[in-house]
Amino acid sequence: MHGNGGFAGETPEFGGRPAVINWVENGVPPASITASQVSQGKLVRPRPLCPYPQVARYSGSGSPDDAANFACKAPQ
């Protein structure tokens, strides 16, 4: 999994370290990891980082600023 500009673990807004550790140590890959943009010092626009080749797709309902309203899906 990677984010814009490199491995997502290099960004302070990446909260997936426990999931990556569980993957490495226990062989359990995460279904997704949530990352966010930083705007004016606040975390905004959370999105799931999906395993390749899946992409995050908006469900069509709820706030687009809530990661729970996105799911990892095959590209169209």
PDB file of N, CA and C in Angstrom:
ATOM      1  N   MET A   1       0.847  -1.167   0.000  1.00  0.00           N
ATOM      2  CA  MET A   1       0.000   0.000   0.000  1.00  0.00           C
ATOM      3  C   MET A   1       0.890   1.225   0.000  1.00  0.00           C
ATOM      4  N   HIS A   2       0.468   2.221  -0.724  1.00  0.00           N
ATOM      5  CA  HIS A   2       1.258   3.432  -0.791  1.00  0.00           C
ATOM      6  C   HIS A   2       0.349   4.640  -0.885  1.00  0.00           C
ATOM      7  N   GLY A   3       0.895   5.783  -0.556  1.00  0.00           N
ATOM      8  CA  GLY A   3       0.151   7.029  -0.645  1.00  0.00           C
ATOM      9  C   GLY A   3       0.796   7.919  -1.687  1.00  0.00           C
ATOM     10  N   ASN A   4       0.231   9.073  -1.905  1.00  0.00           N
ATOM     11  CA  ASN A   4       0.748  10.020  -2.872  1.00  0.00           C
ATOM     12  C   ASN A   4       2.164  10.433  -2.474  1.00  0.00           C
ATOM     13  N   GLY A   5       3.117  10.158  -3.315  1.00  0.00           N
ATOM     14  CA  GLY A   5       4.482  10.578  -3.058  1.00  0.00           C
ATOM     15  C   GLY A   5       5.330   9.563  -2.320  1.00  0.00           C
ATOM     16  N   GLY A   6       4.838   8.391  -2.047  1.00  0.00           N
ATOM     17  CA  GLY A   6       5.673   7.391  -1.395  1.00  0.00           C
ATOM     18  C   GLY A   6       4.902   6.514  -0.449  1.00  0.00           C
ATOM     19  N   PHE A   7       5.625   5.688   0.264  1.00  0.00           N
ATOM     20  CA  PHE A   7       5.010   4.759   1.208  1.00  0.00           C
ATOM     21  C   PHE A   7       4.263   5.541   2.270  1.00  0.00           C
ATOM     22  N   ALA A   8       3.024   5.201   2.504  1.00  0.00           N
ATOM     23  CA  ALA A   8       2.158   5.971   3.400  1.00  0.00           C
ATOM     24  C   ALA A   8       2.687   6.026   4.828  1.00  0.00           C
ATOM     25  N   GLY A   9       3.519   5.091   5.226  1.00  0.00           N
ATOM     26  CA  GLY A   9       4.076   5.099   6.569  1.00  0.00           C
ATOM     27  C   GLY A   9       5.004   6.273   6.816  1.00  0.00           C
ATOM     28  N   GLU A  10       5.370   6.991   5.752  1.00  0.00           N
ATOM     29  CA  GLU A  10       6.250   8.140   5.894  1.00  0.00           C
ATOM     30  C   GLU A  10       5.501   9.421   6.232  1.00  0.00           C
ATOM     31  N   THR A  11       4.179   9.377   6.257  1.00  0.00           N
ATOM     32  CA  THR A  11       3.397  10.578   6.520  1.00  0.00           C
ATOM     33  C   THR A  11       2.823  10.539   7.930  1.00  0.00           C
ATOM     34  N   PRO A  12       2.770  11.679   8.619  1.00  0.00           N
ATOM     35  CA  PRO A  12       2.271  11.689   9.997  1.00  0.00           C
ATOM     36  C   PRO A  12       0.791  11.362  10.097  1.00  0.00           C
ATOM     37  N   GLU A  13       0.033  11.510   8.996  1.00  0.00           N
ATOM     38  CA  GLU A  13      -1.393  11.242   9.036  1.00  0.00           C
ATOM     39  C   GLU A  13      -1.740   9.786   8.754  1.00  0.00           C
ATOM     40  N   PHE A  14      -0.744   8.947   8.643  1.00  0.00           N
ATOM     41  CA  PHE A  14      -0.937   7.523   8.391  1.00  0.00           C
ATOM     42  C   PHE A  14      -1.072   6.804   9.720  1.00  0.00           C
ATOM     43  N   GLY A  15      -2.200   6.123   9.934  1.00  0.00           N
ATOM     44  CA  GLY A  15      -2.432   5.452  11.206  1.00  0.00           C
ATOM     45  C   GLY A  15      -2.408   3.947  11.100  1.00  0.00           C
ATOM     46  N   GLY A  16      -1.720   3.412  10.101  1.00  0.00           N
ATOM     47  CA  GLY A  16      -1.772   1.980   9.858  1.00  0.00           C
ATOM     48  C   GLY A  16      -0.640   1.157  10.414  1.00  0.00           C
ATOM     49  N   ARG A  17       0.228   1.752  11.195  1.00  0.00           N
ATOM     50  CA  ARG A  17       1.377   1.009  11.712  1.00  0.00           C
ATOM     51  C   ARG A  17       0.965  -0.281  12.424  1.00  0.00           C
ATOM     52  N   PRO A  18      -0.057  -0.281  13.313  1.00  0.00           N
ATOM     53  CA  PRO A  18      -0.455  -1.542  13.959  1.00  0.00           C
ATOM     54  C   PRO A  18      -0.913  -2.605  12.948  1.00  0.00           C
ATOM     55  N   ALA A  19      -1.623  -2.188  11.897  1.00  0.00           N
ATOM     56  CA  ALA A  19      -2.075  -3.146  10.888  1.00  0.00           C
ATOM     57  C   ALA A  19      -0.899  -3.739  10.131  1.00  0.00           C
ATOM     58  N   VAL A  20       0.095  -2.921   9.821  1.00  0.00           N
ATOM     59  CA  VAL A  20       1.277  -3.414   9.108  1.00  0.00           C
ATOM     60  C   VAL A  20       2.079  -4.356  10.006  1.00  0.00           C
ATOM     61  N   ILE A  21       2.207  -4.025  11.274  1.00  0.00           N
ATOM     62  CA  ILE A  21       2.909  -4.902  12.213  1.00  0.00           C
ATOM     63  C   ILE A  21       2.191  -6.246  12.315  1.00  0.00           C
ATOM     64  N   ASN A  22       0.856  -6.237  12.404  1.00  0.00           N
ATOM     65  CA  ASN A  22       0.091  -7.478  12.464  1.00  0.00           C
ATOM     66  C   ASN A  22       0.287  -8.300  11.191  1.00  0.00           C
ATOM     67  N   TRP A  23       0.375  -7.633  10.057  1.00  0.00           N
ATOM     68  CA  TRP A  23       0.593  -8.310   8.779  1.00  0.00           C
ATOM     69  C   TRP A  23       1.958  -8.993   8.770  1.00  0.00           C
ATOM     70  N   VAL A  24       2.991  -8.254   9.172  1.00  0.00           N
ATOM     71  CA  VAL A  24       4.353  -8.790   9.162  1.00  0.00           C
ATOM     72  C   VAL A  24       4.532  -9.889  10.202  1.00  0.00           C
ATOM     73  N   GLU A  25       4.064  -9.645  11.405  1.00  0.00           N
ATOM     74  CA  GLU A  25       4.321 -10.590  12.494  1.00  0.00           C
ATOM     75  C   GLU A  25       3.363 -11.776  12.529  1.00  0.00           C
ATOM     76  N   ASN A  26       2.124 -11.591  12.042  1.00  0.00           N
ATOM     77  CA  ASN A  26       1.130 -12.658  12.140  1.00  0.00           C
ATOM     78  C   ASN A  26       0.579 -13.125  10.799  1.00  0.00           C
ATOM     79  N   GLY A  27       1.045 -12.519   9.704  1.00  0.00           N
ATOM     80  CA  GLY A  27       0.604 -12.928   8.384  1.00  0.00           C
ATOM     81  C   GLY A  27      -0.825 -12.553   8.042  1.00  0.00           C
ATOM     82  N   VAL A  28      -1.389 -11.554   8.727  1.00  0.00           N
ATOM     83  CA  VAL A  28      -2.771 -11.137   8.484  1.00  0.00           C
ATOM     84  C   VAL A  28      -2.758  -9.789   7.758  1.00  0.00           C
ATOM     85  N   PRO A  29      -2.957  -9.791   6.432  1.00  0.00           N
ATOM     86  CA  PRO A  29      -2.944  -8.514   5.709  1.00  0.00           C
ATOM     87  C   PRO A  29      -4.196  -7.691   6.011  1.00  0.00           C
ATOM     88  N   PRO A  30      -4.069  -6.378   6.102  1.00  0.00           N
ATOM     89  CA  PRO A  30      -5.243  -5.538   6.359  1.00  0.00           C
ATOM     90  C   PRO A  30      -6.125  -5.453   5.122  1.00  0.00           C
ATOM     91  N   ALA A  31      -7.433  -5.367   5.318  1.00  0.00           N
ATOM     92  CA  ALA A  31      -8.361  -5.163   4.206  1.00  0.00           C
ATOM     93  C   ALA A  31      -8.201  -3.757   3.646  1.00  0.00           C
ATOM     94  N   SER A  32      -7.897  -2.815   4.517  1.00  0.00           N
ATOM     95  CA  SER A  32      -7.594  -1.435   4.130  1.00  0.00           C
ATOM     96  C   SER A  32      -6.974  -0.742   5.335  1.00  0.00           C
ATOM     97  N   ILE A  33      -6.375   0.398   5.073  1.00  0.00           N
ATOM     98  CA  ILE A  33      -5.803   1.246   6.123  1.00  0.00           C
ATOM     99  C   ILE A  33      -6.282   2.659   5.837  1.00  0.00           C
ATOM    100  N   THR A  34      -6.715   3.370   6.849  1.00  0.00           N
ATOM    101  CA  THR A  34      -7.230   4.725   6.654  1.00  0.00           C
ATOM    102  C   THR A  34      -6.099   5.744   6.761  1.00  0.00           C
ATOM    103  N   ALA A  35      -6.075   6.662   5.805  1.00  0.00           N
ATOM    104  CA  ALA A  35      -5.133   7.780   5.806  1.00  0.00           C
ATOM    105  C   ALA A  35      -5.921   9.053   5.552  1.00  0.00           C
ATOM    106  N   SER A  36      -5.347  10.197   5.935  1.00  0.00           N
ATOM    107  CA  SER A  36      -6.036  11.480   5.771  1.00  0.00           C
ATOM    108  C   SER A  36      -5.066  12.530   5.248  1.00  0.00           C
ATOM    109  N   GLN A  37      -5.636  13.553   4.634  1.00  0.00           N
ATOM    110  CA  GLN A  37      -4.877  14.737   4.264  1.00  0.00           C
ATOM    111  C   GLN A  37      -4.756  15.622   5.499  1.00  0.00           C
ATOM    112  N   VAL A  38      -3.774  16.494   5.500  1.00  0.00           N
ATOM    113  CA  VAL A  38      -3.674  17.511   6.540  1.00  0.00           C
ATOM    114  C   VAL A  38      -3.920  18.863   5.880  1.00  0.00           C
ATOM    115  N   SER A  39      -4.892  19.606   6.416  1.00  0.00           N
ATOM    116  CA  SER A  39      -5.205  20.939   5.913  1.00  0.00           C
ATOM    117  C   SER A  39      -5.310  21.880   7.095  1.00  0.00           C
ATOM    118  N   GLN A  40      -4.507  22.883   7.108  1.00  0.00           N
ATOM    119  CA  GLN A  40      -4.480  23.875   8.183  1.00  0.00           C
ATOM    120  C   GLN A  40      -4.335  23.207   9.548  1.00  0.00           C
ATOM    121  N   GLY A  41      -3.491  22.178   9.598  1.00  0.00           N
ATOM    122  CA  GLY A  41      -3.196  21.500  10.847  1.00  0.00           C
ATOM    123  C   GLY A  41      -4.233  20.490  11.300  1.00  0.00           C
ATOM    124  N   LYS A  42      -5.264  20.250  10.490  1.00  0.00           N
ATOM    125  CA  LYS A  42      -6.312  19.294  10.853  1.00  0.00           C
ATOM    126  C   LYS A  42      -6.355  18.153   9.843  1.00  0.00           C
ATOM    127  N   LEU A  43      -6.683  16.950  10.340  1.00  0.00           N
ATOM    128  CA  LEU A  43      -6.847  15.804   9.460  1.00  0.00           C
ATOM    129  C   LEU A  43      -8.185  15.921   8.747  1.00  0.00           C
ATOM    130  N   VAL A  44      -8.161  15.840   7.430  1.00  0.00           N
ATOM    131  CA  VAL A  44      -9.378  15.949   6.631  1.00  0.00           C
ATOM    132  C   VAL A  44      -9.382  14.876   5.548  1.00  0.00           C
ATOM    133  N   ARG A  45     -10.536  14.651   4.974  1.00  0.00           N
ATOM    134  CA  ARG A  45     -10.715  13.754   3.843  1.00  0.00           C
ATOM    135  C   ARG A  45     -10.121  12.366   4.060  1.00  0.00           C
ATOM    136  N   PRO A  46     -10.509  11.703   5.140  1.00  0.00           N
ATOM    137  CA  PRO A  46      -9.988  10.350   5.360  1.00  0.00           C
ATOM    138  C   PRO A  46     -10.472   9.410   4.257  1.00  0.00           C
ATOM    139  N   ARG A  47      -9.591   8.526   3.844  1.00  0.00           N
ATOM    140  CA  ARG A  47      -9.907   7.548   2.812  1.00  0.00           C
ATOM    141  C   ARG A  47      -9.215   6.238   3.154  1.00  0.00           C
ATOM    142  N   PRO A  48      -9.838   5.129   2.764  1.00  0.00           N
ATOM    143  CA  PRO A  48      -9.131   3.864   2.922  1.00  0.00           C
ATOM    144  C   PRO A  48      -8.050   3.727   1.853  1.00  0.00           C
ATOM    145  N   LEU A  49      -6.897   3.249   2.257  1.00  0.00           N
ATOM    146  CA  LEU A  49      -5.865   2.834   1.305  1.00  0.00           C
ATOM    147  C   LEU A  49      -6.139   1.363   1.042  1.00  0.00           C
ATOM    148  N   CYS A  50      -6.305   1.016  -0.202  1.00  0.00           N
ATOM    149  CA  CYS A  50      -6.756  -0.330  -0.568  1.00  0.00           C
ATOM    150  C   CYS A  50      -5.625  -1.158  -1.163  1.00  0.00           C
ATOM    151  N   PRO A  51      -5.693  -2.483  -0.985  1.00  0.00           N
ATOM    152  CA  PRO A  51      -4.699  -3.339  -1.623  1.00  0.00           C
ATOM    153  C   PRO A  51      -4.863  -3.287  -3.143  1.00  0.00           C
ATOM    154  N   TYR A  52      -3.755  -3.219  -3.839  1.00  0.00           N
ATOM    155  CA  TYR A  52      -3.765  -3.208  -5.304  1.00  0.00           C
ATOM    156  C   TYR A  52      -4.394  -4.489  -5.821  1.00  0.00           C
ATOM    157  N   PRO A  53      -5.250  -4.418  -6.800  1.00  0.00           N
ATOM    158  CA  PRO A  53      -5.610  -3.280  -7.658  1.00  0.00           C
ATOM    159  C   PRO A  53      -6.877  -2.555  -7.211  1.00  0.00           C
ATOM    160  N   GLN A  54      -7.386  -2.841  -6.030  1.00  0.00           N
ATOM    161  CA  GLN A  54      -8.617  -2.194  -5.570  1.00  0.00           C
ATOM    162  C   GLN A  54      -8.409  -0.697  -5.369  1.00  0.00           C
ATOM    163  N   VAL A  55      -9.526   0.031  -5.422  1.00  0.00           N
ATOM    164  CA  VAL A  55      -9.515   1.475  -5.193  1.00  0.00           C
ATOM    165  C   VAL A  55     -10.653   1.827  -4.240  1.00  0.00           C
ATOM    166  N   ALA A  56     -10.530   2.962  -3.565  1.00  0.00           N
ATOM    167  CA  ALA A  56     -11.582   3.426  -2.657  1.00  0.00           C
ATOM    168  C   ALA A  56     -12.723   4.015  -3.482  1.00  0.00           C
ATOM    169  N   ARG A  57     -13.943   3.526  -3.236  1.00  0.00           N
ATOM    170  CA  ARG A  57     -15.136   4.015  -3.935  1.00  0.00           C
ATOM    171  C   ARG A  57     -16.134   4.540  -2.911  1.00  0.00           C
ATOM    172  N   TYR A  58     -16.675   5.717  -3.191  1.00  0.00           N
ATOM    173  CA  TYR A  58     -17.699   6.336  -2.349  1.00  0.00           C
ATOM    174  C   TYR A  58     -18.995   5.537  -2.478  1.00  0.00           C
ATOM    175  N   SER A  59     -19.674   5.316  -1.362  1.00  0.00           N
ATOM    176  CA  SER A  59     -20.905   4.515  -1.359  1.00  0.00           C
ATOM    177  C   SER A  59     -22.089   5.243  -1.981  1.00  0.00           C
ATOM    178  N   GLY A  60     -21.999   6.559  -2.074  1.00  0.00           N
ATOM    179  CA  GLY A  60     -23.100   7.340  -2.639  1.00  0.00           C
ATOM    180  C   GLY A  60     -23.992   7.964  -1.592  1.00  0.00           C
ATOM    181  N   SER A  61     -23.771   7.616  -0.329  1.00  0.00           N
ATOM    182  CA  SER A  61     -24.562   8.232   0.737  1.00  0.00           C
ATOM    183  C   SER A  61     -23.658   8.536   1.921  1.00  0.00           C
ATOM    184  N   GLY A  62     -24.089   9.496   2.718  1.00  0.00           N
ATOM    185  CA  GLY A  62     -23.277   9.921   3.856  1.00  0.00           C
ATOM    186  C   GLY A  62     -22.229  10.930   3.428  1.00  0.00           C
ATOM    187  N   SER A  63     -21.522  11.439   4.387  1.00  0.00           N
ATOM    188  CA  SER A  63     -20.522  12.476   4.135  1.00  0.00           C
ATOM    189  C   SER A  63     -19.320  11.918   3.383  1.00  0.00           C
ATOM    190  N   PRO A  64     -18.880  12.613   2.329  1.00  0.00           N
ATOM    191  CA  PRO A  64     -17.659  12.186   1.652  1.00  0.00           C
ATOM    192  C   PRO A  64     -16.404  12.478   2.494  1.00  0.00           C
ATOM    193  N   ASP A  65     -16.604  13.110   3.648  1.00  0.00           N
ATOM    194  CA  ASP A  65     -15.498  13.360   4.566  1.00  0.00           C
ATOM    195  C   ASP A  65     -15.426  12.311   5.671  1.00  0.00           C
ATOM    196  N   ASP A  66     -16.117  11.185   5.492  1.00  0.00           N
ATOM    197  CA  ASP A  66     -16.100  10.089   6.459  1.00  0.00           C
ATOM    198  C   ASP A  66     -15.626   8.825   5.752  1.00  0.00           C
ATOM    199  N   ALA A  67     -14.501   8.292   6.183  1.00  0.00           N
ATOM    200  CA  ALA A  67     -13.918   7.105   5.550  1.00  0.00           C
ATOM    201  C   ALA A  67     -14.866   5.914   5.579  1.00  0.00           C
ATOM    202  N   ALA A  68     -15.799   5.884   6.535  1.00  0.00           N
ATOM    203  CA  ALA A  68     -16.749   4.771   6.630  1.00  0.00           C
ATOM    204  C   ALA A  68     -17.682   4.711   5.424  1.00  0.00           C
ATOM    205  N   ASN A  69     -17.759   5.803   4.662  1.00  0.00           N
ATOM    206  CA  ASN A  69     -18.638   5.849   3.500  1.00  0.00           C
ATOM    207  C   ASN A  69     -17.919   5.459   2.218  1.00  0.00           C
ATOM    208  N   PHE A  70     -16.755   4.859   2.347  1.00  0.00           N
ATOM    209  CA  PHE A  70     -15.972   4.361   1.214  1.00  0.00           C
ATOM    210  C   PHE A  70     -15.675   2.889   1.429  1.00  0.00           C
ATOM    211  N   ALA A  71     -15.509   2.171   0.341  1.00  0.00           N
ATOM    212  CA  ALA A  71     -15.154   0.753   0.413  1.00  0.00           C
ATOM    213  C   ALA A  71     -14.130   0.452  -0.669  1.00  0.00           C
ATOM    214  N   CYS A  72     -13.283  -0.528  -0.424  1.00  0.00           N
ATOM    215  CA  CYS A  72     -12.302  -0.974  -1.409  1.00  0.00           C
ATOM    216  C   CYS A  72     -13.022  -1.850  -2.433  1.00  0.00           C
ATOM    217  N   LYS A  73     -12.902  -1.474  -3.699  1.00  0.00           N
ATOM    218  CA  LYS A  73     -13.574  -2.179  -4.788  1.00  0.00           C
ATOM    219  C   LYS A  73     -12.606  -2.370  -5.949  1.00  0.00           C
ATOM    220  N   ALA A  74     -12.926  -3.332  -6.799  1.00  0.00           N
ATOM    221  CA  ALA A  74     -12.143  -3.541  -8.021  1.00  0.00           C
ATOM    222  C   ALA A  74     -12.322  -2.312  -8.925  1.00  0.00           C
ATOM    223  N   PRO A  75     -11.276  -1.918  -9.645  1.00  0.00           N
ATOM    224  CA  PRO A  75     -11.409  -0.757 -10.545  1.00  0.00           C
ATOM    225  C   PRO A  75     -12.405  -1.057 -11.659  1.00  0.00           C
ATOM    226  N   GLN A  76     -13.024  -0.025 -12.150  1.00  0.00           N
ATOM    227  CA  GLN A  76     -14.034  -0.186 -13.219  1.00  0.00           C
ATOM    228  C   GLN A  76     -13.425   0.055 -14.567  1.00  0.00           C
TER     229      GLN A  76
END
